[in-house]
Amino acid sequence: MAEFKPILRKPGEVIRSEEWNAIQEGLLAEIANLEQKISSLKYYIDNMSERITLTGLESMAGRSYALDEEVPGESSHYRVKSMGMITRQWVTAIIGEGDVCHFGITDNFDLLYYWAGAENGNQGMLDIELEYSDDSVAKITENGYVNDKNTLSESVEANPYIEFLYSDFGIWYKYQVKNPHPENEVRYIRFRNTKADSNPRIGNTIQLKTKVHQIG
């Protein structure tokens, strides 16, 4: 509710200077209050976002294994059917450098959240590319750091994880990357291993965060 109260006079009545000044001060205070509310509303709108979680993702590249299934070349597995929303793990078809997975999404987003972990981790090993609907490609991560899946390790500045899922038999780490062209529709998200002596895996669920943009 507006706090300003007008001073009313009949036609021909004189308005004293202090009354006139009170009117001006009241209007200025009301304008300042309105500007503050508009600024707060704009901040709220600018920070509104929508999150979409995609699960059960498939890929033509790489190979997927259940979490309780042993990946060739490794001596242990997670021993559970699921961790959070992760039910399968994507790795390269043959251990070593190569494509881990390509997720087709066809959507716009500002931020991508993905789950990863690596056999012989705690080093840079992951390239991430976005292929847009106009056939352009952007590499958003080069030799990205992936934490070790067997032993809980610290988050590092090179690629800090947001959270982790822990079990006695394996760990998943959640990472975040920014889309440099959120106005363009993304067709594929590609993950690639760049280290021959490591074996990163990507969980079959990702999350997309899209800011609410103002019209005009």
C-alpha atoms as a PDB file:
ATOM      1  CA  MET A   1       0.000   0.000   0.000  1.00  0.00           C
ATOM      2  CA  ALA A   2       1.183   3.522  -0.827  1.00  0.00           C
ATOM      3  CA  GLU A   3       2.184   5.596   2.207  1.00  0.00           C
ATOM      4  CA  PHE A   4       1.821   8.952   0.458  1.00  0.00           C
ATOM      5  CA  LYS A   5      -1.297  10.906   1.512  1.00  0.00           C
ATOM      6  CA  PRO A   6      -2.295  13.864  -0.673  1.00  0.00           C
ATOM      7  CA  ILE A   7      -3.141  17.243   0.847  1.00  0.00           C
ATOM      8  CA  LEU A   8      -6.506  18.260  -0.592  1.00  0.00           C
ATOM      9  CA  ARG A   9      -7.707  21.826  -1.036  1.00  0.00           C
ATOM     10  CA  LYS A  10     -10.874  23.321  -2.502  1.00  0.00           C
ATOM     11  CA  PRO A  11     -10.624  25.481  -5.647  1.00  0.00           C
ATOM     12  CA  GLY A  12      -9.208  28.901  -4.759  1.00  0.00           C
ATOM     13  CA  GLU A  13      -7.702  27.841  -1.445  1.00  0.00           C
ATOM     14  CA  VAL A  14      -4.051  28.682  -0.860  1.00  0.00           C
ATOM     15  CA  ILE A  15      -1.468  25.933  -0.442  1.00  0.00           C
ATOM     16  CA  ARG A  16       1.176  26.920   2.055  1.00  0.00           C
ATOM     17  CA  SER A  17       4.844  26.383   1.168  1.00  0.00           C
ATOM     18  CA  GLU A  18       5.349  23.758   3.903  1.00  0.00           C
ATOM     19  CA  GLU A  19       2.344  21.847   2.552  1.00  0.00           C
ATOM     20  CA  TRP A  20       3.695  22.036  -0.985  1.00  0.00           C
ATOM     21  CA  ASN A  21       7.111  20.838   0.230  1.00  0.00           C
ATOM     22  CA  ALA A  22       5.466  17.950   2.091  1.00  0.00           C
ATOM     23  CA  ILE A  23       3.711  16.911  -1.137  1.00  0.00           C
ATOM     24  CA  GLN A  24       6.991  16.918  -3.077  1.00  0.00           C
ATOM     25  CA  GLU A  25       8.838  15.006  -0.363  1.00  0.00           C
ATOM     26  CA  GLY A  26       6.045  12.450  -0.174  1.00  0.00           C
ATOM     27  CA  LEU A  27       6.077  11.926  -3.940  1.00  0.00           C
ATOM     28  CA  LEU A  28       9.866  11.570  -4.017  1.00  0.00           C
ATOM     29  CA  ALA A  29       9.773   9.013  -1.199  1.00  0.00           C
ATOM     30  CA  GLU A  30       7.039   7.055  -2.979  1.00  0.00           C
ATOM     31  CA  ILE A  31       9.019   7.093  -6.254  1.00  0.00           C
ATOM     32  CA  ALA A  32      12.163   5.854  -4.446  1.00  0.00           C
ATOM     33  CA  ASN A  33      10.161   3.075  -2.789  1.00  0.00           C
ATOM     34  CA  LEU A  34       8.667   2.054  -6.141  1.00  0.00           C
ATOM     35  CA  GLU A  35      12.097   2.010  -7.811  1.00  0.00           C
ATOM     36  CA  GLN A  36      13.432  -0.253  -5.054  1.00  0.00           C
ATOM     37  CA  LYS A  37      10.533  -2.680  -5.511  1.00  0.00           C
ATOM     38  CA  ILE A  38      11.036  -2.714  -9.296  1.00  0.00           C
ATOM     39  CA  SER A  39      14.768  -3.389  -8.793  1.00  0.00           C
ATOM     40  CA  SER A  40      14.009  -6.282  -6.412  1.00  0.00           C
ATOM     41  CA  LEU A  41      11.471  -7.735  -8.856  1.00  0.00           C
ATOM     42  CA  LYS A  42      13.976  -7.467 -11.747  1.00  0.00           C
ATOM     43  CA  TYR A  43      16.632  -9.257  -9.676  1.00  0.00           C
ATOM     44  CA  TYR A  44      14.151 -12.023  -8.883  1.00  0.00           C
ATOM     45  CA  ILE A  45      13.171 -12.425 -12.549  1.00  0.00           C
ATOM     46  CA  ASP A  46      16.815 -12.368 -13.724  1.00  0.00           C
ATOM     47  CA  ASN A  47      17.622 -15.227 -11.343  1.00  0.00           C
ATOM     48  CA  MET A  48      14.644 -17.408 -12.218  1.00  0.00           C
ATOM     49  CA  SER A  49      15.618 -20.655 -13.892  1.00  0.00           C
ATOM     50  CA  GLU A  50      14.248 -23.986 -15.004  1.00  0.00           C
ATOM     51  CA  ARG A  51      15.977 -27.304 -14.337  1.00  0.00           C
ATOM     52  CA  ILE A  52      15.361 -30.419 -16.413  1.00  0.00           C
ATOM     53  CA  THR A  53      16.710 -33.820 -15.403  1.00  0.00           C
ATOM     54  CA  LEU A  54      17.212 -36.399 -18.161  1.00  0.00           C
ATOM     55  CA  THR A  55      17.582 -40.030 -17.125  1.00  0.00           C
ATOM     56  CA  GLY A  56      18.177 -43.362 -18.832  1.00  0.00           C
ATOM     57  CA  LEU A  57      20.233 -41.693 -21.573  1.00  0.00           C
ATOM     58  CA  GLU A  58      21.435 -43.815 -24.493  1.00  0.00           C
ATOM     59  CA  SER A  59      24.401 -43.313 -26.822  1.00  0.00           C
ATOM     60  CA  MET A  60      25.576 -44.641 -30.181  1.00  0.00           C
ATOM     61  CA  ALA A  61      29.188 -44.132 -29.038  1.00  0.00           C
ATOM     62  CA  GLY A  62      30.933 -45.865 -26.167  1.00  0.00           C
ATOM     63  CA  ARG A  63      29.516 -48.740 -24.176  1.00  0.00           C
ATOM     64  CA  SER A  64      27.348 -48.863 -21.067  1.00  0.00           C
ATOM     65  CA  TYR A  65      27.459 -51.205 -18.085  1.00  0.00           C
ATOM     66  CA  ALA A  66      25.191 -51.679 -15.109  1.00  0.00           C
ATOM     67  CA  LEU A  67      26.594 -50.357 -11.834  1.00  0.00           C
ATOM     68  CA  ASP A  68      26.851 -53.870 -10.433  1.00  0.00           C
ATOM     69  CA  GLU A  69      28.603 -55.104 -13.574  1.00  0.00           C
ATOM     70  CA  GLU A  70      32.381 -55.241 -13.837  1.00  0.00           C
ATOM     71  CA  VAL A  71      33.862 -53.025 -16.557  1.00  0.00           C
ATOM     72  CA  PRO A  72      36.519 -54.906 -18.600  1.00  0.00           C
ATOM     73  CA  GLY A  73      40.007 -54.069 -17.365  1.00  0.00           C
ATOM     74  CA  GLU A  74      38.801 -53.127 -13.889  1.00  0.00           C
ATOM     75  CA  SER A  75      38.725 -55.288 -10.761  1.00  0.00           C
ATOM     76  CA  SER A  76      35.749 -53.809  -8.885  1.00  0.00           C
ATOM     77  CA  HIS A  77      32.284 -52.333  -9.410  1.00  0.00           C
ATOM     78  CA  TYR A  78      29.671 -50.374  -7.450  1.00  0.00           C
ATOM     79  CA  ARG A  79      27.777 -53.520  -6.300  1.00  0.00           C
ATOM     80  CA  VAL A  80      24.414 -51.741  -6.439  1.00  0.00           C
ATOM     81  CA  LYS A  81      21.719 -51.352  -9.097  1.00  0.00           C
ATOM     82  CA  SER A  82      21.549 -47.567  -8.794  1.00  0.00           C
ATOM     83  CA  MET A  83      23.076 -44.556  -7.069  1.00  0.00           C
ATOM     84  CA  GLY A  84      20.708 -41.610  -7.008  1.00  0.00           C
ATOM     85  CA  MET A  85      19.275 -41.476 -10.536  1.00  0.00           C
ATOM     86  CA  ILE A  86      22.327 -43.169 -12.060  1.00  0.00           C
ATOM     87  CA  THR A  87      21.560 -46.699 -13.225  1.00  0.00           C
ATOM     88  CA  ARG A  88      24.247 -47.241 -15.878  1.00  0.00           C
ATOM     89  CA  GLN A  89      27.781 -46.034 -16.575  1.00  0.00           C
ATOM     90  CA  TRP A  90      29.149 -45.081 -19.982  1.00  0.00           C
ATOM     91  CA  VAL A  91      32.815 -45.761 -20.820  1.00  0.00           C
ATOM     92  CA  THR A  92      34.853 -46.078 -24.015  1.00  0.00           C
ATOM     93  CA  ALA A  93      34.100 -49.197 -26.071  1.00  0.00           C
ATOM     94  CA  ILE A  94      37.769 -50.189 -25.712  1.00  0.00           C
ATOM     95  CA  ILE A  95      39.786 -49.027 -22.699  1.00  0.00           C
ATOM     96  CA  GLY A  96      41.898 -46.021 -23.601  1.00  0.00           C
ATOM     97  CA  GLU A  97      41.415 -42.806 -25.529  1.00  0.00           C
ATOM     98  CA  GLY A  98      38.158 -42.412 -27.418  1.00  0.00           C
ATOM     99  CA  ASP A  99      34.496 -41.469 -27.242  1.00  0.00           C
ATOM    100  CA  VAL A 100      32.805 -42.226 -23.943  1.00  0.00           C
ATOM    101  CA  CYS A 101      29.282 -41.309 -25.035  1.00  0.00           C
ATOM    102  CA  HIS A 102      27.175 -38.938 -27.137  1.00  0.00           C
ATOM    103  CA  PHE A 103      23.903 -37.857 -25.563  1.00  0.00           C
ATOM    104  CA  GLY A 104      21.241 -36.505 -27.923  1.00  0.00           C
ATOM    105  CA  ILE A 105      19.032 -33.885 -26.246  1.00  0.00           C
ATOM    106  CA  THR A 106      17.763 -31.202 -28.711  1.00  0.00           C
ATOM    107  CA  ASP A 107      17.286 -28.388 -26.208  1.00  0.00           C
ATOM    108  CA  ASN A 108      18.586 -24.998 -25.080  1.00  0.00           C
ATOM    109  CA  PHE A 109      20.370 -24.562 -21.746  1.00  0.00           C
ATOM    110  CA  ASP A 110      22.804 -22.335 -19.871  1.00  0.00           C
ATOM    111  CA  LEU A 111      24.424 -24.894 -17.568  1.00  0.00           C
ATOM    112  CA  LEU A 112      25.041 -28.623 -17.859  1.00  0.00           C
ATOM    113  CA  TYR A 113      25.409 -30.856 -14.799  1.00  0.00           C
ATOM    114  CA  TYR A 114      26.852 -34.346 -15.281  1.00  0.00           C
ATOM    115  CA  TRP A 115      28.053 -37.212 -13.084  1.00  0.00           C
ATOM    116  CA  ALA A 116      31.495 -38.729 -13.600  1.00  0.00           C
ATOM    117  CA  GLY A 117      34.283 -40.688 -11.920  1.00  0.00           C
ATOM    118  CA  ALA A 118      37.391 -42.414 -13.188  1.00  0.00           C
ATOM    119  CA  GLU A 119      39.529 -45.485 -12.708  1.00  0.00           C
ATOM    120  CA  ASN A 120      43.003 -43.995 -12.152  1.00  0.00           C
ATOM    121  CA  GLY A 121      41.401 -40.577 -11.757  1.00  0.00           C
ATOM    122  CA  ASN A 122      42.448 -37.314 -10.091  1.00  0.00           C
ATOM    123  CA  GLN A 123      43.850 -35.906 -13.327  1.00  0.00           C
ATOM    124  CA  GLY A 124      42.750 -34.181 -16.539  1.00  0.00           C
ATOM    125  CA  MET A 125      41.245 -36.586 -19.068  1.00  0.00           C
ATOM    126  CA  LEU A 126      37.824 -35.469 -20.327  1.00  0.00           C
ATOM    127  CA  ASP A 127      36.882 -33.412 -23.380  1.00  0.00           C
ATOM    128  CA  ILE A 128      33.289 -32.199 -23.655  1.00  0.00           C
ATOM    129  CA  GLU A 129      31.821 -30.834 -26.877  1.00  0.00           C
ATOM    130  CA  LEU A 130      28.411 -29.418 -27.743  1.00  0.00           C
ATOM    131  CA  GLU A 131      27.050 -29.910 -31.250  1.00  0.00           C
ATOM    132  CA  TYR A 132      24.352 -27.377 -32.117  1.00  0.00           C
ATOM    133  CA  SER A 133      21.423 -27.737 -34.476  1.00  0.00           C
ATOM    134  CA  ASP A 134      23.151 -25.431 -36.990  1.00  0.00           C
ATOM    135  CA  ASP A 135      26.031 -28.014 -37.176  1.00  0.00           C
ATOM    136  CA  SER A 136      28.470 -25.767 -35.283  1.00  0.00           C
ATOM    137  CA  VAL A 137      30.529 -27.297 -32.464  1.00  0.00           C
ATOM    138  CA  ALA A 138      31.913 -25.817 -29.241  1.00  0.00           C
ATOM    139  CA  LYS A 139      34.488 -27.535 -27.031  1.00  0.00           C
ATOM    140  CA  ILE A 140      33.476 -26.484 -23.529  1.00  0.00           C
ATOM    141  CA  THR A 141      35.967 -28.641 -21.597  1.00  0.00           C
ATOM    142  CA  GLU A 142      39.457 -29.745 -22.645  1.00  0.00           C
ATOM    143  CA  ASN A 143      41.264 -32.419 -20.629  1.00  0.00           C
ATOM    144  CA  GLY A 144      38.801 -31.789 -17.810  1.00  0.00           C
ATOM    145  CA  TYR A 145      39.788 -33.035 -14.368  1.00  0.00           C
ATOM    146  CA  VAL A 146      37.896 -36.122 -13.167  1.00  0.00           C
ATOM    147  CA  ASN A 147      38.167 -37.375  -9.601  1.00  0.00           C
ATOM    148  CA  ASP A 148      39.015 -40.971  -8.751  1.00  0.00           C
ATOM    149  CA  LYS A 149      36.011 -43.284  -8.404  1.00  0.00           C
ATOM    150  CA  ASN A 150      37.563 -45.648  -5.869  1.00  0.00           C
ATOM    151  CA  THR A 151      38.744 -43.186  -3.207  1.00  0.00           C
ATOM    152  CA  LEU A 152      36.960 -40.000  -2.185  1.00  0.00           C
ATOM    153  CA  SER A 153      39.196 -37.116  -3.252  1.00  0.00           C
ATOM    154  CA  GLU A 154      39.149 -33.368  -2.785  1.00  0.00           C
ATOM    155  CA  SER A 155      37.437 -30.967  -5.160  1.00  0.00           C
ATOM    156  CA  VAL A 156      40.014 -29.058  -7.206  1.00  0.00           C
ATOM    157  CA  GLU A 157      39.895 -25.607  -8.750  1.00  0.00           C
ATOM    158  CA  ALA A 158      40.530 -26.986 -12.247  1.00  0.00           C
ATOM    159  CA  ASN A 159      37.109 -28.665 -12.284  1.00  0.00           C
ATOM    160  CA  PRO A 160      35.429 -28.496  -8.872  1.00  0.00           C
ATOM    161  CA  TYR A 161      32.660 -30.962  -8.168  1.00  0.00           C
ATOM    162  CA  ILE A 162      29.378 -29.724  -6.674  1.00  0.00           C
ATOM    163  CA  GLU A 163      28.465 -32.849  -4.743  1.00  0.00           C
ATOM    164  CA  PHE A 164      29.209 -36.550  -4.667  1.00  0.00           C
ATOM    165  CA  LEU A 165      27.425 -39.881  -4.197  1.00  0.00           C
ATOM    166  CA  TYR A 166      29.398 -42.192  -1.933  1.00  0.00           C
ATOM    167  CA  SER A 167      29.367 -45.922  -1.363  1.00  0.00           C
ATOM    168  CA  ASP A 168      32.013 -48.277   0.028  1.00  0.00           C
ATOM    169  CA  PHE A 169      32.570 -49.599  -3.491  1.00  0.00           C
ATOM    170  CA  GLY A 170      32.639 -46.459  -5.611  1.00  0.00           C
ATOM    171  CA  ILE A 171      31.991 -42.728  -5.845  1.00  0.00           C
ATOM    172  CA  TRP A 172      30.232 -40.487  -8.347  1.00  0.00           C
ATOM    173  CA  TYR A 173      31.034 -36.772  -8.612  1.00  0.00           C
ATOM    174  CA  LYS A 174      28.713 -34.103  -9.978  1.00  0.00           C
ATOM    175  CA  TYR A 175      30.305 -31.409 -12.177  1.00  0.00           C
ATOM    176  CA  GLN A 176      29.017 -28.262 -13.858  1.00  0.00           C
ATOM    177  CA  VAL A 177      29.948 -26.703 -17.219  1.00  0.00           C
ATOM    178  CA  LYS A 178      28.675 -23.578 -18.942  1.00  0.00           C
ATOM    179  CA  ASN A 179      27.213 -23.470 -22.447  1.00  0.00           C
ATOM    180  CA  PRO A 180      28.919 -20.593 -24.343  1.00  0.00           C
ATOM    181  CA  HIS A 181      25.946 -20.245 -26.706  1.00  0.00           C
ATOM    182  CA  PRO A 182      22.734 -20.775 -24.698  1.00  0.00           C
ATOM    183  CA  GLU A 183      20.712 -19.124 -27.460  1.00  0.00           C
ATOM    184  CA  ASN A 184      21.537 -22.037 -29.796  1.00  0.00           C
ATOM    185  CA  GLU A 185      19.736 -25.357 -29.610  1.00  0.00           C
ATOM    186  CA  VAL A 186      22.062 -28.219 -28.619  1.00  0.00           C
ATOM    187  CA  ARG A 187      21.756 -31.447 -30.585  1.00  0.00           C
ATOM    188  CA  TYR A 188      24.450 -33.602 -28.939  1.00  0.00           C
ATOM    189  CA  ILE A 189      26.667 -33.544 -25.857  1.00  0.00           C
ATOM    190  CA  ARG A 190      29.874 -35.491 -26.520  1.00  0.00           C
ATOM    191  CA  PHE A 191      32.236 -36.847 -23.857  1.00  0.00           C
ATOM    192  CA  ARG A 192      35.696 -38.104 -24.870  1.00  0.00           C
ATOM    193  CA  ASN A 193      38.541 -39.704 -22.897  1.00  0.00           C
ATOM    194  CA  THR A 194      41.963 -38.185 -23.654  1.00  0.00           C
ATOM    195  CA  LYS A 195      44.106 -40.333 -21.313  1.00  0.00           C
ATOM    196  CA  ALA A 196      45.133 -43.837 -22.351  1.00  0.00           C
ATOM    197  CA  ASP A 197      45.921 -44.882 -18.766  1.00  0.00           C
ATOM    198  CA  SER A 198      42.580 -43.738 -17.288  1.00  0.00           C
ATOM    199  CA  ASN A 199      39.024 -44.935 -17.671  1.00  0.00           C
ATOM    200  CA  PRO A 200      36.452 -42.185 -16.976  1.00  0.00           C
ATOM    201  CA  ARG A 201      32.759 -43.022 -16.852  1.00  0.00           C
ATOM    202  CA  ILE A 202      29.698 -40.812 -17.317  1.00  0.00           C
ATOM    203  CA  GLY A 203      26.434 -41.512 -15.525  1.00  0.00           C
ATOM    204  CA  ASN A 204      23.323 -41.985 -17.657  1.00  0.00           C
ATOM    205  CA  THR A 205      21.589 -38.949 -16.159  1.00  0.00           C
ATOM    206  CA  ILE A 206      22.286 -35.252 -16.684  1.00  0.00           C
ATOM    207  CA  GLN A 207      20.649 -32.026 -15.628  1.00  0.00           C
ATOM    208  CA  LEU A 208      20.111 -28.888 -17.726  1.00  0.00           C
ATOM    209  CA  LYS A 209      19.590 -25.453 -16.169  1.00  0.00           C
ATOM    210  CA  THR A 210      18.025 -22.702 -18.266  1.00  0.00           C
ATOM    211  CA  LYS A 211      17.662 -19.100 -17.171  1.00  0.00           C
ATOM    212  CA  VAL A 212      14.304 -17.409 -17.704  1.00  0.00           C
ATOM    213  CA  HIS A 213      14.998 -14.665 -20.249  1.00  0.00           C
ATOM    214  CA  GLN A 214      12.963 -11.467 -20.470  1.00  0.00           C
ATOM    215  CA  ILE A 215      11.112 -10.697 -23.692  1.00  0.00           C
ATOM    216  CA  GLY A 216      12.082  -7.451 -25.351  1.00  0.00           C
END
